[in-house]
C-alpha atoms as a PDB file:
ATOM      1  CA  MET A   1       0.000   0.000   0.000  1.00  0.00           C
ATOM      2  CA  GLU A   2       1.877   3.037  -1.266  1.00  0.00           C
ATOM      3  CA  LYS A   3      -0.856   5.494  -0.336  1.00  0.00           C
ATOM      4  CA  MET A   4      -3.625   4.829   2.192  1.00  0.00           C
ATOM      5  CA  LYS A   5      -7.114   5.882   1.093  1.00  0.00           C
ATOM      6  CA  LEU A   6      -8.908   7.294   4.130  1.00  0.00           C
ATOM      7  CA  GLY A   7     -12.657   7.437   4.606  1.00  0.00           C
ATOM      8  CA  ILE A   8     -14.499   9.374   7.303  1.00  0.00           C
ATOM      9  CA  PHE A   9     -17.794   8.666   9.044  1.00  0.00           C
ATOM     10  CA  GLY A  10     -19.370  11.948  10.160  1.00  0.00           C
ATOM     11  CA  PRO A  11     -18.264  15.336   8.759  1.00  0.00           C
ATOM     12  CA  GLY A  12     -18.172  17.155  12.111  1.00  0.00           C
ATOM     13  CA  VAL A  13     -15.613  19.263  13.979  1.00  0.00           C
ATOM     14  CA  ILE A  14     -13.162  16.444  14.716  1.00  0.00           C
ATOM     15  CA  ALA A  15     -13.468  15.157  11.156  1.00  0.00           C
ATOM     16  CA  ARG A  16     -12.433  18.581   9.910  1.00  0.00           C
ATOM     17  CA  GLU A  17      -9.254  18.405  11.987  1.00  0.00           C
ATOM     18  CA  MET A  18      -8.530  14.965  10.588  1.00  0.00           C
ATOM     19  CA  ALA A  19      -9.118  16.185   7.024  1.00  0.00           C
ATOM     20  CA  LYS A  20      -6.709  19.091   7.578  1.00  0.00           C
ATOM     21  CA  THR A  21      -4.167  16.641   8.965  1.00  0.00           C
ATOM     22  CA  ILE A  22      -4.160  14.104   6.170  1.00  0.00           C
ATOM     23  CA  SER A  23      -4.025  16.857   3.554  1.00  0.00           C
ATOM     24  CA  GLN A  24      -0.454  17.408   4.751  1.00  0.00           C
ATOM     25  CA  MET A  25       0.555  13.738   4.905  1.00  0.00           C
ATOM     26  CA  ASP A  26       2.381  12.383   1.856  1.00  0.00           C
ATOM     27  CA  HIS A  27       1.076   8.817   1.918  1.00  0.00           C
ATOM     28  CA  VAL A  28      -2.574   9.370   2.910  1.00  0.00           C
ATOM     29  CA  VAL A  29      -5.313  10.186   0.392  1.00  0.00           C
ATOM     30  CA  PRO A  30      -8.655  11.861   1.284  1.00  0.00           C
ATOM     31  CA  TYR A  31     -10.846   9.251  -0.349  1.00  0.00           C
ATOM     32  CA  ALA A  32     -14.470   9.331   0.879  1.00  0.00           C
ATOM     33  CA  VAL A  33     -16.770  10.864   3.480  1.00  0.00           C
ATOM     34  CA  ALA A  34     -20.167   9.646   4.670  1.00  0.00           C
ATOM     35  CA  SER A  35     -22.989  11.359   6.504  1.00  0.00           C
ATOM     36  CA  ARG A  36     -26.709  10.863   7.028  1.00  0.00           C
ATOM     37  CA  SER A  37     -26.976  14.062   4.983  1.00  0.00           C
ATOM     38  CA  LYS A  38     -25.810  13.745   1.391  1.00  0.00           C
ATOM     39  CA  GLU A  39     -25.545  17.547   1.218  1.00  0.00           C
ATOM     40  CA  ARG A  40     -23.218  17.730   4.239  1.00  0.00           C
ATOM     41  CA  ALA A  41     -21.062  14.951   2.847  1.00  0.00           C
ATOM     42  CA  GLU A  42     -20.820  16.661  -0.535  1.00  0.00           C
ATOM     43  CA  ALA A  43     -19.890  20.006   1.026  1.00  0.00           C
ATOM     44  CA  PHE A  44     -17.215  18.383   3.201  1.00  0.00           C
ATOM     45  CA  ALA A  45     -15.781  16.451   0.255  1.00  0.00           C
ATOM     46  CA  ALA A  46     -15.620  19.593  -1.870  1.00  0.00           C
ATOM     47  CA  GLU A  47     -13.935  21.613   0.872  1.00  0.00           C
ATOM     48  CA  PHE A  48     -11.242  19.063   1.695  1.00  0.00           C
ATOM     49  CA  GLY A  49     -10.735  17.360  -1.645  1.00  0.00           C
ATOM     50  CA  PHE A  50     -12.302  13.972  -0.960  1.00  0.00           C
ATOM     51  CA  GLU A  51     -12.907  11.906  -4.058  1.00  0.00           C
ATOM     52  CA  LYS A  52     -16.296  10.524  -2.992  1.00  0.00           C
ATOM     53  CA  SER A  53     -19.200  11.481  -0.740  1.00  0.00           C
ATOM     54  CA  TYR A  54     -22.039   9.293   0.510  1.00  0.00           C
ATOM     55  CA  GLY A  55     -25.410  10.049   2.052  1.00  0.00           C
ATOM     56  CA  SER A  56     -25.304   6.866   4.132  1.00  0.00           C
ATOM     57  CA  TYR A  57     -22.689   5.137   6.259  1.00  0.00           C
ATOM     58  CA  GLN A  58     -23.517   1.754   4.774  1.00  0.00           C
ATOM     59  CA  ALA A  59     -22.539   2.973   1.306  1.00  0.00           C
ATOM     60  CA  LEU A  60     -19.025   3.859   2.433  1.00  0.00           C
ATOM     61  CA  ALA A  61     -18.756   0.614   4.392  1.00  0.00           C
ATOM     62  CA  GLU A  62     -19.428  -1.254   1.152  1.00  0.00           C
ATOM     63  CA  ASP A  63     -16.832   0.722  -0.829  1.00  0.00           C
ATOM     64  CA  GLU A  64     -14.001  -1.687  -1.601  1.00  0.00           C
ATOM     65  CA  GLY A  65     -11.647   1.151  -2.488  1.00  0.00           C
ATOM     66  CA  VAL A  66     -11.219   2.485   1.057  1.00  0.00           C
ATOM     67  CA  ASP A  67      -8.183   1.350   3.096  1.00  0.00           C
ATOM     68  CA  LEU A  68      -9.118   2.798   6.503  1.00  0.00           C
ATOM     69  CA  VAL A  69     -12.278   4.432   7.865  1.00  0.00           C
ATOM     70  CA  TYR A  70     -12.108   6.996  10.653  1.00  0.00           C
ATOM     71  CA  ILE A  71     -15.255   7.033  12.814  1.00  0.00           C
ATOM     72  CA  ALA A  72     -15.805  10.627  13.953  1.00  0.00           C
ATOM     73  CA  THR A  73     -19.456  10.398  15.051  1.00  0.00           C
ATOM     74  CA  PRO A  74     -20.711  10.648  18.685  1.00  0.00           C
ATOM     75  CA  HIS A  75     -19.532   7.697  20.776  1.00  0.00           C
ATOM     76  CA  SER A  76     -23.111   6.475  21.153  1.00  0.00           C
ATOM     77  CA  HIS A  77     -22.853   5.445  17.481  1.00  0.00           C
ATOM     78  CA  HIS A  78     -19.384   3.892  17.554  1.00  0.00           C
ATOM     79  CA  ALA A  79     -20.224   0.260  18.286  1.00  0.00           C
ATOM     80  CA  VAL A  80     -22.855  -0.098  15.569  1.00  0.00           C
ATOM     81  CA  GLN A  81     -20.733   1.686  13.000  1.00  0.00           C
ATOM     82  CA  ALA A  82     -17.552  -0.202  13.879  1.00  0.00           C
ATOM     83  CA  GLU A  83     -19.423  -3.494  13.534  1.00  0.00           C
ATOM     84  CA  MET A  84     -20.824  -2.342  10.178  1.00  0.00           C
ATOM     85  CA  LEU A  85     -17.307  -1.638   8.915  1.00  0.00           C
ATOM     86  CA  LEU A  86     -15.698  -4.769  10.326  1.00  0.00           C
ATOM     87  CA  GLY A  87     -18.526  -6.846   8.885  1.00  0.00           C
ATOM     88  CA  ASN A  88     -17.585  -5.448   5.478  1.00  0.00           C
ATOM     89  CA  HIS A  89     -13.873  -6.092   6.141  1.00  0.00           C
ATOM     90  CA  ARG A  90     -12.997  -2.410   6.382  1.00  0.00           C
ATOM     91  CA  PRO A  91     -10.140  -1.433   8.753  1.00  0.00           C
ATOM     92  CA  VAL A  92     -11.210   1.086  11.398  1.00  0.00           C
ATOM     93  CA  LEU A  93      -9.762   4.006  13.344  1.00  0.00           C
ATOM     94  CA  CYS A  94     -12.489   4.723  15.922  1.00  0.00           C
ATOM     95  CA  GLU A  95     -12.551   7.993  17.832  1.00  0.00           C
ATOM     96  CA  LYS A  96     -12.547   7.904  21.622  1.00  0.00           C
ATOM     97  CA  ALA A  97     -14.396   6.916  23.661  1.00  0.00           C
ATOM     98  CA  PHE A  98     -14.120   3.653  21.730  1.00  0.00           C
ATOM     99  CA  THR A  99     -17.678   2.686  22.658  1.00  0.00           C
ATOM    100  CA  VAL A 100     -20.136   3.567  25.414  1.00  0.00           C
ATOM    101  CA  ASN A 101     -19.250   0.679  27.715  1.00  0.00           C
ATOM    102  CA  ALA A 102     -17.090  -2.400  28.039  1.00  0.00           C
ATOM    103  CA  ALA A 103     -19.798  -4.766  26.797  1.00  0.00           C
ATOM    104  CA  GLN A 104     -19.971  -2.923  23.476  1.00  0.00           C
ATOM    105  CA  ALA A 105     -16.174  -2.776  23.266  1.00  0.00           C
ATOM    106  CA  GLY A 106     -15.913  -6.510  23.881  1.00  0.00           C
ATOM    107  CA  ASN A 107     -18.387  -7.243  21.086  1.00  0.00           C
ATOM    108  CA  VAL A 108     -16.548  -4.993  18.619  1.00  0.00           C
ATOM    109  CA  LEU A 109     -13.150  -6.475  19.452  1.00  0.00           C
ATOM    110  CA  ALA A 110     -14.546 -10.007  19.204  1.00  0.00           C
ATOM    111  CA  LEU A 111     -15.822  -9.214  15.703  1.00  0.00           C
ATOM    112  CA  SER A 112     -12.406  -7.808  14.790  1.00  0.00           C
ATOM    113  CA  ALA A 113     -10.863 -11.113  15.848  1.00  0.00           C
ATOM    114  CA  GLU A 114     -13.525 -13.175  14.050  1.00  0.00           C
ATOM    115  CA  LYS A 115     -13.142 -11.274  10.781  1.00  0.00           C
ATOM    116  CA  ASN A 116      -9.402 -10.708  11.248  1.00  0.00           C
ATOM    117  CA  VAL A 117      -9.843  -7.007  10.457  1.00  0.00           C
ATOM    118  CA  PHE A 118      -7.824  -4.146  11.928  1.00  0.00           C
ATOM    119  CA  ILE A 119      -9.339  -1.697  14.408  1.00  0.00           C
ATOM    120  CA  THR A 120      -7.817   0.751  16.862  1.00  0.00           C
ATOM    121  CA  GLU A 121      -9.006   3.525  19.154  1.00  0.00           C
ATOM    122  CA  ALA A 122      -8.189   7.108  18.185  1.00  0.00           C
ATOM    123  CA  ILE A 123      -7.125   8.279  21.640  1.00  0.00           C
ATOM    124  CA  TRP A 124      -4.442  10.494  20.147  1.00  0.00           C
ATOM    125  CA  PRO A 125      -2.084  11.063  23.118  1.00  0.00           C
ATOM    126  CA  ARG A 126      -1.278   7.340  23.125  1.00  0.00           C
ATOM    127  CA  TYR A 127       0.377   7.624  19.730  1.00  0.00           C
ATOM    128  CA  MET A 128       2.392  10.784  20.363  1.00  0.00           C
ATOM    129  CA  PRO A 129       6.169  10.610  20.737  1.00  0.00           C
ATOM    130  CA  MET A 130       5.734  12.584  23.963  1.00  0.00           C
ATOM    131  CA  ALA A 131       3.898   9.628  25.536  1.00  0.00           C
ATOM    132  CA  LYS A 132       6.915   7.416  24.912  1.00  0.00           C
ATOM    133  CA  LEU A 133       9.201  10.140  26.265  1.00  0.00           C
ATOM    134  CA  LEU A 134       7.186  10.454  29.477  1.00  0.00           C
ATOM    135  CA  ARG A 135       7.483   6.747  30.161  1.00  0.00           C
ATOM    136  CA  GLU A 136      11.226   6.925  29.522  1.00  0.00           C
ATOM    137  CA  LEU A 137      11.684   9.888  31.864  1.00  0.00           C
ATOM    138  CA  LEU A 138       9.880   8.085  34.676  1.00  0.00           C
ATOM    139  CA  GLU A 139      11.710   4.810  34.035  1.00  0.00           C
ATOM    140  CA  ASP A 140      15.042   6.679  34.026  1.00  0.00           C
ATOM    141  CA  GLY A 141      14.253   8.060  37.477  1.00  0.00           C
ATOM    142  CA  VAL A 142      14.475  11.769  36.649  1.00  0.00           C
ATOM    143  CA  ILE A 143      12.223  12.510  39.646  1.00  0.00           C
ATOM    144  CA  GLY A 144      13.156   9.472  41.681  1.00  0.00           C
ATOM    145  CA  ARG A 145      10.374   7.125  42.709  1.00  0.00           C
ATOM    146  CA  PRO A 146       7.028   8.537  41.498  1.00  0.00           C
ATOM    147  CA  THR A 147       4.498   8.862  44.305  1.00  0.00           C
ATOM    148  CA  CYS A 148       1.430  10.743  43.065  1.00  0.00           C
ATOM    149  CA  MET A 149       0.007  12.935  40.348  1.00  0.00           C
ATOM    150  CA  THR A 150      -2.695  15.560  39.839  1.00  0.00           C
ATOM    151  CA  VAL A 151      -4.426  16.190  36.513  1.00  0.00           C
ATOM    152  CA  ASN A 152      -7.135  18.641  35.482  1.00  0.00           C
ATOM    153  CA  PHE A 153      -8.731  18.809  32.072  1.00  0.00           C
ATOM    154  CA  GLY A 154     -11.836  20.399  30.613  1.00  0.00           C
ATOM    155  CA  GLY A 155     -13.319  23.383  28.880  1.00  0.00           C
ATOM    156  CA  PRO A 156     -16.471  25.467  28.477  1.00  0.00           C
ATOM    157  CA  LEU A 157     -18.577  23.106  26.374  1.00  0.00           C
ATOM    158  CA  LYS A 158     -21.981  23.963  27.809  1.00  0.00           C
ATOM    159  CA  HIS A 159     -23.114  25.172  24.380  1.00  0.00           C
ATOM    160  CA  ILE A 160     -22.778  21.657  22.897  1.00  0.00           C
ATOM    161  CA  GLN A 161     -26.168  20.000  23.289  1.00  0.00           C
ATOM    162  CA  ARG A 162     -24.987  16.398  23.003  1.00  0.00           C
ATOM    163  CA  MET A 163     -22.939  16.853  26.197  1.00  0.00           C
ATOM    164  CA  TYR A 164     -26.248  16.924  28.122  1.00  0.00           C
ATOM    165  CA  ASP A 165     -27.995  14.136  26.248  1.00  0.00           C
ATOM    166  CA  PRO A 166     -28.017  10.685  27.915  1.00  0.00           C
ATOM    167  CA  ASN A 167     -29.302   9.161  24.672  1.00  0.00           C
ATOM    168  CA  LEU A 168     -25.989  10.190  23.066  1.00  0.00           C
ATOM    169  CA  ALA A 169     -23.964   8.985  26.084  1.00  0.00           C
ATOM    170  CA  GLY A 170     -23.349  12.603  27.074  1.00  0.00           C
ATOM    171  CA  GLY A 171     -21.458  13.891  30.063  1.00  0.00           C
ATOM    172  CA  ALA A 172     -17.861  14.785  30.789  1.00  0.00           C
ATOM    173  CA  LEU A 173     -16.347  11.343  31.356  1.00  0.00           C
ATOM    174  CA  LEU A 174     -16.378   9.799  27.878  1.00  0.00           C
ATOM    175  CA  ASP A 175     -15.498  13.085  26.177  1.00  0.00           C
ATOM    176  CA  LEU A 176     -13.047  14.655  28.629  1.00  0.00           C
ATOM    177  CA  GLY A 177     -12.365  12.449  31.646  1.00  0.00           C
ATOM    178  CA  VAL A 178     -10.841   9.808  29.399  1.00  0.00           C
ATOM    179  CA  TYR A 179      -7.828  12.090  28.842  1.00  0.00           C
ATOM    180  CA  PRO A 180      -6.725  12.370  32.511  1.00  0.00           C
ATOM    181  CA  LEU A 181      -7.356   8.635  32.832  1.00  0.00           C
ATOM    182  CA  THR A 182      -5.137   8.060  29.792  1.00  0.00           C
ATOM    183  CA  LEU A 183      -2.316  10.180  31.198  1.00  0.00           C
ATOM    184  CA  ALA A 184      -2.551   8.326  34.506  1.00  0.00           C
ATOM    185  CA  SER A 185      -2.341   5.036  32.636  1.00  0.00           C
ATOM    186  CA  ILE A 186       0.663   6.157  30.584  1.00  0.00           C
ATOM    187  CA  ALA A 187       2.519   7.386  33.668  1.00  0.00           C
ATOM    188  CA  PHE A 188       1.461   4.934  36.386  1.00  0.00           C
ATOM    189  CA  GLY A 189       0.157   1.866  34.544  1.00  0.00           C
ATOM    190  CA  ASP A 190      -3.067  -0.006  35.189  1.00  0.00           C
ATOM    191  CA  GLU A 191      -2.507  -1.851  38.465  1.00  0.00           C
ATOM    192  CA  ILE A 192      -5.328  -0.030  40.237  1.00  0.00           C
ATOM    193  CA  GLU A 193      -6.352  -1.284  43.667  1.00  0.00           C
ATOM    194  CA  GLN A 194      -9.101   1.167  44.593  1.00  0.00           C
ATOM    195  CA  ILE A 195     -11.215   3.870  42.952  1.00  0.00           C
ATOM    196  CA  SER A 196     -12.619   6.816  44.896  1.00  0.00           C
ATOM    197  CA  THR A 197     -14.795   9.143  42.862  1.00  0.00           C
ATOM    198  CA  SER A 198     -17.632  11.643  42.941  1.00  0.00           C
ATOM    199  CA  ALA A 199     -19.428  13.651  40.273  1.00  0.00           C
ATOM    200  CA  THR A 200     -21.780  16.568  39.845  1.00  0.00           C
ATOM    201  CA  LEU A 201     -24.748  15.216  37.916  1.00  0.00           C
ATOM    202  CA  LEU A 202     -26.938  17.335  35.673  1.00  0.00           C
ATOM    203  CA  ASP A 203     -30.739  17.274  35.552  1.00  0.00           C
ATOM    204  CA  SER A 204     -30.535  14.988  32.522  1.00  0.00           C
ATOM    205  CA  GLY A 205     -28.631  12.423  34.599  1.00  0.00           C
ATOM    206  CA  VAL A 206     -25.189  12.745  33.018  1.00  0.00           C
ATOM    207  CA  ASP A 207     -22.000  13.974  34.670  1.00  0.00           C
ATOM    208  CA  GLY A 208     -20.980  17.601  34.284  1.00  0.00           C
ATOM    209  CA  MET A 209     -17.848  17.452  36.412  1.00  0.00           C
ATOM    210  CA  GLU A 210     -15.999  14.740  38.295  1.00  0.00           C
ATOM    211  CA  ASN A 211     -13.142  13.972  40.603  1.00  0.00           C
ATOM    212  CA  ILE A 212     -11.485  10.569  40.287  1.00  0.00           C
ATOM    213  CA  CYS A 213      -8.854   9.257  42.682  1.00  0.00           C
ATOM    214  CA  LEU A 214      -7.000   6.123  41.634  1.00  0.00           C
ATOM    215  CA  HIS A 215      -5.082   4.174  44.275  1.00  0.00           C
ATOM    216  CA  TYR A 216      -2.435   1.864  42.816  1.00  0.00           C
ATOM    217  CA  LYS A 217      -1.200  -1.419  44.241  1.00  0.00           C
ATOM    218  CA  ASP A 218       2.308  -0.020  44.726  1.00  0.00           C
ATOM    219  CA  GLY A 219       1.017   2.917  46.777  1.00  0.00           C
ATOM    220  CA  LYS A 220       0.880   5.649  44.114  1.00  0.00           C
ATOM    221  CA  ILE A 221      -2.166   7.907  43.908  1.00  0.00           C
ATOM    222  CA  ALA A 222      -3.560   9.808  40.896  1.00  0.00           C
ATOM    223  CA  THR A 223      -6.117  12.564  41.479  1.00  0.00           C
ATOM    224  CA  LEU A 224      -7.982  13.565  38.320  1.00  0.00           C
ATOM    225  CA  LEU A 225     -10.469  16.376  37.695  1.00  0.00           C
ATOM    226  CA  ALA A 226     -12.530  16.819  34.536  1.00  0.00           C
ATOM    227  CA  GLY A 227     -15.581  18.779  33.486  1.00  0.00           C
ATOM    228  CA  PHE A 228     -17.226  20.925  30.830  1.00  0.00           C
ATOM    229  CA  TYR A 229     -18.487  23.929  32.838  1.00  0.00           C
ATOM    230  CA  ASN A 230     -15.464  26.193  32.450  1.00  0.00           C
ATOM    231  CA  GLU A 231     -11.889  26.452  31.243  1.00  0.00           C
ATOM    232  CA  PHE A 232      -9.383  24.360  33.185  1.00  0.00           C
ATOM    233  CA  GLU A 233      -5.613  24.747  33.379  1.00  0.00           C
ATOM    234  CA  ASN A 234      -5.263  21.511  31.389  1.00  0.00           C
ATOM    235  CA  LYS A 235      -2.107  20.657  33.277  1.00  0.00           C
ATOM    236  CA  ALA A 236      -0.715  17.775  35.262  1.00  0.00           C
ATOM    237  CA  VAL A 237       1.985  17.433  37.880  1.00  0.00           C
ATOM    238  CA  ILE A 238       3.695  14.112  38.515  1.00  0.00           C
ATOM    239  CA  PHE A 239       5.453  14.110  41.880  1.00  0.00           C
ATOM    240  CA  GLY A 240       8.418  11.969  42.823  1.00  0.00           C
ATOM    241  CA  GLU A 241      10.735  11.655  45.786  1.00  0.00           C
ATOM    242  CA  GLU A 242      13.390  13.686  43.941  1.00  0.00           C
ATOM    243  CA  GLY A 243      11.348  16.290  42.064  1.00  0.00           C
ATOM    244  CA  ARG A 244       8.354  16.633  39.796  1.00  0.00           C
ATOM    245  CA  ILE A 245       7.322  16.773  36.135  1.00  0.00           C
ATOM    246  CA  GLU A 246       4.870  19.464  35.031  1.00  0.00           C
ATOM    247  CA  VAL A 247       2.856  18.460  31.948  1.00  0.00           C
ATOM    248  CA  GLU A 248       1.343  21.126  29.701  1.00  0.00           C
ATOM    249  CA  GLY A 249      -1.534  20.016  27.470  1.00  0.00           C
ATOM    250  CA  ILE A 250      -3.463  16.982  28.660  1.00  0.00           C
ATOM    251  CA  ASN A 251      -4.916  15.899  25.317  1.00  0.00           C
ATOM    252  CA  ASN A 252      -1.951  17.089  23.229  1.00  0.00           C
ATOM    253  CA  TYR A 253       1.239  17.067  25.282  1.00  0.00           C
ATOM    254  CA  GLN A 254       3.130  20.313  24.633  1.00  0.00           C
ATOM    255  CA  SER A 255       5.925  20.171  27.182  1.00  0.00           C
ATOM    256  CA  PHE A 256       7.367  18.302  30.147  1.00  0.00           C
ATOM    257  CA  ARG A 257       9.164  20.525  32.652  1.00  0.00           C
ATOM    258  CA  VAL A 258      11.357  18.558  35.060  1.00  0.00           C
ATOM    259  CA  LEU A 259      11.898  20.338  38.365  1.00  0.00           C
ATOM    260  CA  LYS A 260      14.186  19.588  41.291  1.00  0.00           C
ATOM    261  CA  PRO A 261      12.743  19.344  44.829  1.00  0.00           C
ATOM    262  CA  ASP A 262      13.528  23.040  45.404  1.00  0.00           C
ATOM    263  CA  GLY A 263      11.549  24.033  42.308  1.00  0.00           C
ATOM    264  CA  THR A 264      14.473  24.915  40.066  1.00  0.00           C
ATOM    265  CA  GLU A 265      14.315  23.658  36.505  1.00  0.00           C
ATOM    266  CA  LYS A 266      16.302  20.555  35.677  1.00  0.00           C
ATOM    267  CA  ALA A 267      15.159  20.057  32.077  1.00  0.00           C
ATOM    268  CA  LEU A 268      12.513  21.174  29.597  1.00  0.00           C
ATOM    269  CA  HIS A 269      11.247  18.805  26.914  1.00  0.00           C
ATOM    270  CA  LEU A 270       9.151  20.372  24.141  1.00  0.00           C
ATOM    271  CA  ALA A 271       6.870  18.489  21.772  1.00  0.00           C
ATOM    272  CA  PRO A 272       8.285  18.162  18.248  1.00  0.00           C
ATOM    273  CA  PRO A 273       6.649  20.197  15.454  1.00  0.00           C
ATOM    274  CA  GLN A 274       3.379  18.629  14.331  1.00  0.00           C
ATOM    275  CA  ILE A 275       0.537  19.099  11.882  1.00  0.00           C
ATOM    276  CA  THR A 276      -2.262  18.788  14.439  1.00  0.00           C
ATOM    277  CA  GLY A 277      -1.170  15.804  16.504  1.00  0.00           C
ATOM    278  CA  TYR A 278      -3.631  13.512  14.734  1.00  0.00           C
ATOM    279  CA  GLU A 279      -0.968  12.440  12.265  1.00  0.00           C
ATOM    280  CA  TYR A 280       0.598  10.060  14.784  1.00  0.00           C
ATOM    281  CA  GLU A 281      -2.480   7.843  15.067  1.00  0.00           C
ATOM    282  CA  VAL A 282      -2.920   7.841  11.284  1.00  0.00           C
ATOM    283  CA  GLN A 283       0.737   6.897  10.818  1.00  0.00           C
ATOM    284  CA  ALA A 284       0.363   4.127  13.387  1.00  0.00           C
ATOM    285  CA  CYS A 285      -2.604   2.740  11.425  1.00  0.00           C
ATOM    286  CA  TYR A 286      -0.637   2.907   8.171  1.00  0.00           C
ATOM    287  CA  ASP A 287       2.283   1.045   9.760  1.00  0.00           C
ATOM    288  CA  ALA A 288       0.056  -1.592  11.360  1.00  0.00           C
ATOM    289  CA  LEU A 289      -1.797  -2.250   8.102  1.00  0.00           C
ATOM    290  CA  GLN A 290       1.501  -2.519   6.230  1.00  0.00           C
ATOM    291  CA  GLU A 291       2.652  -5.099   8.789  1.00  0.00           C
ATOM    292  CA  GLY A 292      -0.609  -7.055   8.676  1.00  0.00           C
ATOM    293  CA  ARG A 293      -1.523  -6.296  12.294  1.00  0.00           C
ATOM    294  CA  ARG A 294      -5.043  -6.272  13.729  1.00  0.00           C
ATOM    295  CA  GLU A 295      -4.203  -3.660  16.369  1.00  0.00           C
ATOM    296  CA  CYS A 296      -1.698  -0.881  17.074  1.00  0.00           C
ATOM    297  CA  PRO A 297       0.999  -1.526  19.678  1.00  0.00           C
ATOM    298  CA  GLU A 298       0.517   2.043  20.915  1.00  0.00           C
ATOM    299  CA  MET A 299      -3.089   1.257  21.909  1.00  0.00           C
ATOM    300  CA  PRO A 300      -3.635  -2.518  21.991  1.00  0.00           C
ATOM    301  CA  HIS A 301      -7.134  -3.923  22.237  1.00  0.00           C
ATOM    302  CA  SER A 302      -6.495  -5.040  25.813  1.00  0.00           C
ATOM    303  CA  GLU A 303      -5.873  -1.419  26.833  1.00  0.00           C
ATOM    304  CA  THR A 304      -9.022  -0.200  25.072  1.00  0.00           C
ATOM    305  CA  LEU A 305     -11.081  -2.814  26.900  1.00  0.00           C
ATOM    306  CA  PHE A 306      -9.412  -2.004  30.241  1.00  0.00           C
ATOM    307  CA  MET A 307     -10.203   1.695  29.865  1.00  0.00           C
ATOM    308  CA  MET A 308     -13.849   1.020  29.013  1.00  0.00           C
ATOM    309  CA  GLU A 309     -14.125  -1.289  32.039  1.00  0.00           C
ATOM    310  CA  LEU A 310     -12.555   1.391  34.241  1.00  0.00           C
ATOM    311  CA  MET A 311     -15.027   4.036  33.069  1.00  0.00           C
ATOM    312  CA  ASP A 312     -17.896   1.583  33.624  1.00  0.00           C
ATOM    313  CA  LYS A 313     -16.756   1.162  37.244  1.00  0.00           C
ATOM    314  CA  ILE A 314     -16.523   4.915  37.722  1.00  0.00           C
ATOM    315  CA  ARG A 315     -20.011   5.522  36.310  1.00  0.00           C
ATOM    316  CA  ALA A 316     -21.372   2.742  38.523  1.00  0.00           C
ATOM    317  CA  VAL A 317     -20.199   4.622  41.622  1.00  0.00           C
ATOM    318  CA  TRP A 318     -22.092   7.708  40.425  1.00  0.00           C
ATOM    319  CA  GLY A 319     -25.153   5.690  39.454  1.00  0.00           C
ATOM    320  CA  VAL A 320     -24.979   6.928  35.857  1.00  0.00           C
ATOM    321  CA  ARG A 321     -26.498   4.656  33.237  1.00  0.00           C
ATOM    322  CA  TYR A 322     -27.566   5.544  29.725  1.00  0.00           C
ATOM    323  CA  PRO A 323     -31.119   4.723  28.612  1.00  0.00           C
ATOM    324  CA  PHE A 324     -29.997   2.086  26.120  1.00  0.00           C
ATOM    325  CA  GLU A 325     -27.807   0.147  28.580  1.00  0.00           C
END
């Protein structure tokens, strides 16, 4: 595969960022876009130079010319659409949250195994070179033994109606909380012993803001805050016995500032130049497909399932269930 023909489900805001990204990648071709609205699909295709546009998702799923389909619809639609694509033997890059819950994720991943078709979750920080660097810094002991971390992430998204809608799996967790959870996983792993959490629930029954405290088997603690009421700092601090690392940009890591115990700077690591940051997940898909893989090593299926199970447990503490569960 010299050039990968990319298709997109759902011509929304995130899809626009993806289209801008691949337009600057040498070996990715904007091939097709699908929407429930033929007019929206046509307008998107014309704006970003896609060869084809479809007024139904099924039509793109049946297109044998596409090499990879990026699902950019609300996460309430992900499971059905991923299964549609896998059933037609189309490789999939599925936007986070991968599905609504672990049961859906398990079904999708089982179908991927049955059909032997590639799928991966588009949780973009996992694929960034900065994620690998963070692990290396911690493993090299730049702050000594890590002990705890704090993360806050969110923004003023009250104007987005789907955030309130339980029928679309709305709320802060699946849209925003997944990013602090991802950073905690990258830095501290997944050996979680206890979860302490609380949330502010909206009248519609979904979470508007939450605090999540993860207690790890080796004694580390991660305290995570997420919400969509107002702008957050979008920062993290990882504390160790010999200093700390300050992380700027929780969903797109911009810098890691390593500080000594007295607060003086020891090192500053800046993110390399990028298109948007989405190019890393697309490149990972290209590489995996070239190698005949069914998953990306940066975000294996086991990690996707673990994260969905973790968010299920967190929602269970709050008593949040979606109408279709």
